[in-house]
Amino acid sequence: MDGVRYRLHGIDAPEAGQACIGSDGRNWACGQRAIRQMEELVLGKVVECDSRGQDDYGRIISVCTADGIEINARMIESGIAWAFRKYSGDYVKLEDAAKRRRVGIWQAPTETAWDYRAHRWDASLSDRPDGKCPIKGNINRKNDRIYHVPWSKDYGKTKIDLGRGERWFCSEAEAIAAGWRAPLWGK
């Protein structure tokens, strides 16, 4: 918002390229649904966020509201995010209620976003000749410098051309410090 990156306190939503299992046993694009849910909550609304410090990537950790509706809580209530218990217990009761209702990510056993990221990271290391630094620093047609983490939806189709100035990074913090940005999702 206005050039400031926010990280929603106490929750973790599916990654953009992540699929979840539905009650019918089929995969559904829960990561894309999380993006759409966020858009529905904020587009055209007055959004306000508090500040609870910064994370390791320079994002402001926040509880945000859109026209008075708490975004963090709504994402959990609708079953489109997990309570990030590692960092906060604030949304555990809301998560438990969503789980009982079997909505969203709770329709069937689903890999958490943090496990999804960890598995993707580990798998990407085996694809690298040097076995390290799997983050792809790509330059697009507009000359934007964008980094793709292994759980990014475009990671698999992103190729690195060192001759064009593209490169590999070992961490998101390293990519950001070098002036690269994460991909943008949604509207």
C-alpha atoms as a PDB file:
ATOM      1  CA  MET A   1       0.000   0.000   0.000  1.00  0.00           C
ATOM      2  CA  ASP A   2       1.480   3.326  -1.061  1.00  0.00           C
ATOM      3  CA  GLY A   3       4.826   1.626  -1.627  1.00  0.00           C
ATOM      4  CA  VAL A   4       4.859  -0.060   1.813  1.00  0.00           C
ATOM      5  CA  ARG A   5       4.881  -3.852   2.015  1.00  0.00           C
ATOM      6  CA  TYR A   6       2.807  -5.398   4.808  1.00  0.00           C
ATOM      7  CA  ARG A   7       2.862  -8.900   6.285  1.00  0.00           C
ATOM      8  CA  LEU A   8      -0.416  -9.867   7.945  1.00  0.00           C
ATOM      9  CA  HIS A   9       0.237 -10.693  11.592  1.00  0.00           C
ATOM     10  CA  GLY A  10      -0.554 -14.185  12.849  1.00  0.00           C
ATOM     11  CA  ILE A  11      -1.680 -15.793   9.589  1.00  0.00           C
ATOM     12  CA  ASP A  12      -0.143 -17.669   6.661  1.00  0.00           C
ATOM     13  CA  ALA A  13      -2.087 -18.154   3.430  1.00  0.00           C
ATOM     14  CA  PRO A  14      -1.433 -20.714   0.685  1.00  0.00           C
ATOM     15  CA  GLU A  15       1.258 -19.730  -1.814  1.00  0.00           C
ATOM     16  CA  ALA A  16       0.141 -18.420  -5.221  1.00  0.00           C
ATOM     17  CA  GLY A  17       1.029 -21.682  -6.964  1.00  0.00           C
ATOM     18  CA  GLN A  18      -0.216 -23.978  -4.217  1.00  0.00           C
ATOM     19  CA  ALA A  19      -3.072 -26.429  -4.701  1.00  0.00           C
ATOM     20  CA  CYS A  20      -5.194 -27.878  -1.906  1.00  0.00           C
ATOM     21  CA  ILE A  21      -7.444 -30.912  -1.779  1.00  0.00           C
ATOM     22  CA  GLY A  22     -11.190 -30.367  -1.893  1.00  0.00           C
ATOM     23  CA  SER A  23     -13.915 -32.382  -0.188  1.00  0.00           C
ATOM     24  CA  ASP A  24     -14.379 -34.247  -3.492  1.00  0.00           C
ATOM     25  CA  GLY A  25     -10.712 -35.332  -3.468  1.00  0.00           C
ATOM     26  CA  ARG A  26      -9.777 -33.053  -6.365  1.00  0.00           C
ATOM     27  CA  ASN A  27      -7.138 -30.354  -6.269  1.00  0.00           C
ATOM     28  CA  TRP A  28      -8.227 -26.741  -6.284  1.00  0.00           C
ATOM     29  CA  ALA A  29      -6.092 -23.604  -6.629  1.00  0.00           C
ATOM     30  CA  CYS A  30      -6.160 -22.488  -3.000  1.00  0.00           C
ATOM     31  CA  GLY A  31      -3.240 -20.092  -3.518  1.00  0.00           C
ATOM     32  CA  GLN A  32      -5.108 -18.302  -6.282  1.00  0.00           C
ATOM     33  CA  ARG A  33      -8.250 -18.326  -4.129  1.00  0.00           C
ATOM     34  CA  ALA A  34      -6.299 -16.633  -1.321  1.00  0.00           C
ATOM     35  CA  ILE A  35      -5.287 -13.876  -3.745  1.00  0.00           C
ATOM     36  CA  ARG A  36      -8.899 -13.425  -4.920  1.00  0.00           C
ATOM     37  CA  GLN A  37     -10.132 -13.382  -1.290  1.00  0.00           C
ATOM     38  CA  MET A  38      -7.657 -10.629  -0.463  1.00  0.00           C
ATOM     39  CA  GLU A  39      -8.760  -8.641  -3.505  1.00  0.00           C
ATOM     40  CA  GLU A  40     -12.416  -9.013  -2.519  1.00  0.00           C
ATOM     41  CA  LEU A  41     -11.587  -7.757   0.961  1.00  0.00           C
ATOM     42  CA  VAL A  42      -9.525  -4.703  -0.001  1.00  0.00           C
ATOM     43  CA  LEU A  43     -10.187  -3.401  -3.510  1.00  0.00           C
ATOM     44  CA  GLY A  44     -12.144  -0.172  -3.408  1.00  0.00           C
ATOM     45  CA  LYS A  45     -12.086  -0.092   0.402  1.00  0.00           C
ATOM     46  CA  VAL A  46     -10.388   2.104   2.965  1.00  0.00           C
ATOM     47  CA  VAL A  47      -7.551  -0.086   4.250  1.00  0.00           C
ATOM     48  CA  GLU A  48      -5.719   0.701   7.464  1.00  0.00           C
ATOM     49  CA  CYS A  49      -2.852  -1.280   9.009  1.00  0.00           C
ATOM     50  CA  ASP A  50      -1.155  -0.986  12.366  1.00  0.00           C
ATOM     51  CA  SER A  51       2.554  -1.606  12.888  1.00  0.00           C
ATOM     52  CA  ARG A  52       3.871  -4.438  15.033  1.00  0.00           C
ATOM     53  CA  GLY A  53       7.470  -4.209  13.876  1.00  0.00           C
ATOM     54  CA  GLN A  54       9.202  -5.493  10.776  1.00  0.00           C
ATOM     55  CA  ASP A  55       9.970  -8.980   9.531  1.00  0.00           C
ATOM     56  CA  ASP A  56      13.296 -10.088   8.064  1.00  0.00           C
ATOM     57  CA  TYR A  57      12.222  -8.849   4.611  1.00  0.00           C
ATOM     58  CA  GLY A  58      11.457  -5.295   5.710  1.00  0.00           C
ATOM     59  CA  ARG A  59       7.682  -5.761   5.624  1.00  0.00           C
ATOM     60  CA  ILE A  60       5.572  -4.139   8.329  1.00  0.00           C
ATOM     61  CA  ILE A  61       3.869  -6.821  10.437  1.00  0.00           C
ATOM     62  CA  SER A  62       0.272  -5.677  10.793  1.00  0.00           C
ATOM     63  CA  VAL A  63      -3.319  -6.286  11.626  1.00  0.00           C
ATOM     64  CA  CYS A  64      -5.218  -4.602   8.812  1.00  0.00           C
ATOM     65  CA  THR A  65      -8.827  -3.566   8.350  1.00  0.00           C
ATOM     66  CA  ALA A  66     -10.802  -2.804   5.190  1.00  0.00           C
ATOM     67  CA  ASP A  67     -13.811  -0.582   5.833  1.00  0.00           C
ATOM     68  CA  GLY A  68     -13.630  -1.717   9.460  1.00  0.00           C
ATOM     69  CA  ILE A  69     -13.457  -5.472   8.733  1.00  0.00           C
ATOM     70  CA  GLU A  70     -10.324  -7.155  10.079  1.00  0.00           C
ATOM     71  CA  ILE A  71      -8.599  -8.769   7.114  1.00  0.00           C
ATOM     72  CA  ASN A  72      -6.418 -11.166   9.126  1.00  0.00           C
ATOM     73  CA  ALA A  73      -9.433 -12.632  10.946  1.00  0.00           C
ATOM     74  CA  ARG A  74     -11.570 -12.830   7.800  1.00  0.00           C
ATOM     75  CA  MET A  75      -8.900 -14.824   5.951  1.00  0.00           C
ATOM     76  CA  ILE A  76      -8.845 -17.348   8.795  1.00  0.00           C
ATOM     77  CA  GLU A  77     -12.654 -17.444   9.231  1.00  0.00           C
ATOM     78  CA  SER A  78     -13.179 -18.154   5.542  1.00  0.00           C
ATOM     79  CA  GLY A  79     -10.714 -21.042   5.690  1.00  0.00           C
ATOM     80  CA  ILE A  80      -8.254 -19.459   3.290  1.00  0.00           C
ATOM     81  CA  ALA A  81      -5.335 -19.078   5.725  1.00  0.00           C
ATOM     82  CA  TRP A  82      -3.787 -20.871   8.683  1.00  0.00           C
ATOM     83  CA  ALA A  83      -3.218 -19.378  12.092  1.00  0.00           C
ATOM     84  CA  PHE A  84       0.564 -18.969  12.124  1.00  0.00           C
ATOM     85  CA  ARG A  85       0.894 -20.506  15.589  1.00  0.00           C
ATOM     86  CA  LYS A  86       4.679 -20.347  15.458  1.00  0.00           C
ATOM     87  CA  TYR A  87       4.409 -16.567  15.832  1.00  0.00           C
ATOM     88  CA  SER A  88       1.008 -15.931  17.413  1.00  0.00           C
ATOM     89  CA  GLY A  89      -1.967 -17.574  19.070  1.00  0.00           C
ATOM     90  CA  ASP A  90      -4.290 -14.702  18.145  1.00  0.00           C
ATOM     91  CA  TYR A  91      -6.259 -16.599  15.494  1.00  0.00           C
ATOM     92  CA  VAL A  92      -6.254 -20.156  16.844  1.00  0.00           C
ATOM     93  CA  LYS A  93      -9.927 -20.120  17.928  1.00  0.00           C
ATOM     94  CA  LEU A  94     -11.026 -18.772  14.538  1.00  0.00           C
ATOM     95  CA  GLU A  95      -8.953 -21.454  12.795  1.00  0.00           C
ATOM     96  CA  ASP A  96     -10.440 -24.187  14.983  1.00  0.00           C
ATOM     97  CA  ALA A  97     -13.946 -22.993  14.065  1.00  0.00           C
ATOM     98  CA  ALA A  98     -13.127 -22.950  10.321  1.00  0.00           C
ATOM     99  CA  LYS A  99     -11.654 -26.436  10.633  1.00  0.00           C
ATOM    100  CA  ARG A 100     -14.832 -27.724  12.327  1.00  0.00           C
ATOM    101  CA  ARG A 101     -16.906 -26.227   9.473  1.00  0.00           C
ATOM    102  CA  ARG A 102     -14.541 -27.857   6.910  1.00  0.00           C
ATOM    103  CA  VAL A 103     -14.310 -24.687   4.810  1.00  0.00           C
ATOM    104  CA  GLY A 104     -11.544 -23.716   2.411  1.00  0.00           C
ATOM    105  CA  ILE A 105      -8.232 -25.373   3.235  1.00  0.00           C
ATOM    106  CA  TRP A 106     -10.012 -27.508   5.840  1.00  0.00           C
ATOM    107  CA  GLN A 107     -12.073 -29.534   3.327  1.00  0.00           C
ATOM    108  CA  ALA A 108      -9.451 -32.316   3.395  1.00  0.00           C
ATOM    109  CA  PRO A 109      -5.920 -32.786   4.732  1.00  0.00           C
ATOM    110  CA  THR A 110      -3.808 -30.084   3.085  1.00  0.00           C
ATOM    111  CA  GLU A 111      -0.118 -29.259   3.276  1.00  0.00           C
ATOM    112  CA  THR A 112       0.456 -26.058   5.230  1.00  0.00           C
ATOM    113  CA  ALA A 113       2.037 -23.104   3.442  1.00  0.00           C
ATOM    114  CA  TRP A 114       5.195 -23.373   5.566  1.00  0.00           C
ATOM    115  CA  ASP A 115       5.613 -27.081   4.767  1.00  0.00           C
ATOM    116  CA  TYR A 116       4.878 -26.391   1.088  1.00  0.00           C
ATOM    117  CA  ARG A 117       7.636 -23.755   1.015  1.00  0.00           C
ATOM    118  CA  ALA A 118      10.097 -26.038   2.820  1.00  0.00           C
ATOM    119  CA  HIS A 119       9.441 -28.965   0.465  1.00  0.00           C
ATOM    120  CA  ARG A 120       9.771 -26.758  -2.610  1.00  0.00           C
ATOM    121  CA  TRP A 121      13.017 -25.278  -1.273  1.00  0.00           C
ATOM    122  CA  ASP A 122      14.514 -28.726  -0.630  1.00  0.00           C
ATOM    123  CA  ALA A 123      13.465 -30.022  -4.067  1.00  0.00           C
ATOM    124  CA  SER A 124      14.926 -26.988  -5.832  1.00  0.00           C
ATOM    125  CA  LEU A 125      18.330 -27.505  -4.208  1.00  0.00           C
ATOM    126  CA  SER A 126      18.720 -30.847  -5.953  1.00  0.00           C
ATOM    127  CA  ASP A 127      18.074 -29.137  -9.306  1.00  0.00           C
ATOM    128  CA  ARG A 128      20.956 -26.689  -8.845  1.00  0.00           C
ATOM    129  CA  PRO A 129      24.392 -27.829 -10.038  1.00  0.00           C
ATOM    130  CA  ASP A 130      26.026 -26.313  -6.945  1.00  0.00           C
ATOM    131  CA  GLY A 131      23.254 -27.540  -4.618  1.00  0.00           C
ATOM    132  CA  LYS A 132      22.627 -24.056  -3.175  1.00  0.00           C
ATOM    133  CA  CYS A 133      21.130 -20.667  -3.921  1.00  0.00           C
ATOM    134  CA  PRO A 134      17.890 -21.748  -5.654  1.00  0.00           C
ATOM    135  CA  ILE A 135      16.187 -18.333  -5.905  1.00  0.00           C
ATOM    136  CA  LYS A 136      15.991 -17.189  -9.523  1.00  0.00           C
ATOM    137  CA  GLY A 137      16.693 -13.530 -10.311  1.00  0.00           C
ATOM    138  CA  ASN A 138      14.946 -12.924 -13.630  1.00  0.00           C
ATOM    139  CA  ILE A 139      14.746  -9.787 -15.796  1.00  0.00           C
ATOM    140  CA  ASN A 140      11.433  -9.478 -17.609  1.00  0.00           C
ATOM    141  CA  ARG A 141      10.567  -7.731 -20.894  1.00  0.00           C
ATOM    142  CA  LYS A 142      10.012  -4.432 -19.069  1.00  0.00           C
ATOM    143  CA  ASN A 143      13.497  -4.767 -17.547  1.00  0.00           C
ATOM    144  CA  ASP A 144      12.014  -5.360 -14.071  1.00  0.00           C
ATOM    145  CA  ARG A 145      14.290  -7.355 -11.801  1.00  0.00           C
ATOM    146  CA  ILE A 146      12.084 -10.007 -10.204  1.00  0.00           C
ATOM    147  CA  TYR A 147      13.122 -12.891  -7.980  1.00  0.00           C
ATOM    148  CA  HIS A 148      11.270 -16.192  -7.929  1.00  0.00           C
ATOM    149  CA  VAL A 149      11.390 -18.445  -4.890  1.00  0.00           C
ATOM    150  CA  PRO A 150      10.918 -22.210  -5.382  1.00  0.00           C
ATOM    151  CA  TRP A 151       7.261 -22.013  -4.301  1.00  0.00           C
ATOM    152  CA  SER A 152       6.454 -19.210  -6.733  1.00  0.00           C
ATOM    153  CA  LYS A 153       3.877 -20.221  -9.331  1.00  0.00           C
ATOM    154  CA  ASP A 154       6.231 -19.218 -12.188  1.00  0.00           C
ATOM    155  CA  TYR A 155       9.383 -20.776 -10.752  1.00  0.00           C
ATOM    156  CA  GLY A 156       9.397 -23.843 -13.002  1.00  0.00           C
ATOM    157  CA  LYS A 157       9.106 -21.889 -16.224  1.00  0.00           C
ATOM    158  CA  THR A 158      11.628 -19.203 -15.227  1.00  0.00           C
ATOM    159  CA  LYS A 159      15.037 -19.699 -16.855  1.00  0.00           C
ATOM    160  CA  ILE A 160      18.199 -17.848 -15.831  1.00  0.00           C
ATOM    161  CA  ASP A 161      20.418 -16.270 -18.495  1.00  0.00           C
ATOM    162  CA  LEU A 162      23.600 -15.092 -16.777  1.00  0.00           C
ATOM    163  CA  GLY A 163      24.574 -13.228 -19.971  1.00  0.00           C
ATOM    164  CA  ARG A 164      21.550 -10.932 -19.543  1.00  0.00           C
ATOM    165  CA  GLY A 165      22.480 -10.103 -15.950  1.00  0.00           C
ATOM    166  CA  GLU A 166      20.090 -12.626 -14.428  1.00  0.00           C
ATOM    167  CA  ARG A 167      21.363 -14.443 -11.375  1.00  0.00           C
ATOM    168  CA  TRP A 168      20.802 -16.806  -8.477  1.00  0.00           C
ATOM    169  CA  PHE A 169      20.207 -15.797  -4.855  1.00  0.00           C
ATOM    170  CA  CYS A 170      20.528 -17.775  -1.634  1.00  0.00           C
ATOM    171  CA  SER A 171      17.805 -15.868   0.263  1.00  0.00           C
ATOM    172  CA  GLU A 172      14.994 -13.419  -0.326  1.00  0.00           C
ATOM    173  CA  ALA A 173      16.821 -10.907   1.858  1.00  0.00           C
ATOM    174  CA  GLU A 174      19.843 -11.135  -0.463  1.00  0.00           C
ATOM    175  CA  ALA A 175      17.642 -10.579  -3.533  1.00  0.00           C
ATOM    176  CA  ILE A 176      15.903  -7.586  -1.963  1.00  0.00           C
ATOM    177  CA  ALA A 177      19.228  -6.055  -0.858  1.00  0.00           C
ATOM    178  CA  ALA A 178      20.447  -6.368  -4.468  1.00  0.00           C
ATOM    179  CA  GLY A 179      17.403  -4.388  -5.681  1.00  0.00           C
ATOM    180  CA  TRP A 180      15.198  -7.218  -6.936  1.00  0.00           C
ATOM    181  CA  ARG A 181      11.513  -7.569  -6.033  1.00  0.00           C
ATOM    182  CA  ALA A 182       9.095 -10.419  -5.520  1.00  0.00           C
ATOM    183  CA  PRO A 183       6.523 -11.122  -8.249  1.00  0.00           C
ATOM    184  CA  LEU A 184       3.244  -9.254  -7.991  1.00  0.00           C
ATOM    185  CA  TRP A 185       0.070 -11.318  -7.657  1.00  0.00           C
ATOM    186  CA  GLY A 186      -3.473 -10.193  -8.296  1.00  0.00           C
ATOM    187  CA  LYS A 187      -4.782  -6.815  -9.378  1.00  0.00           C
END
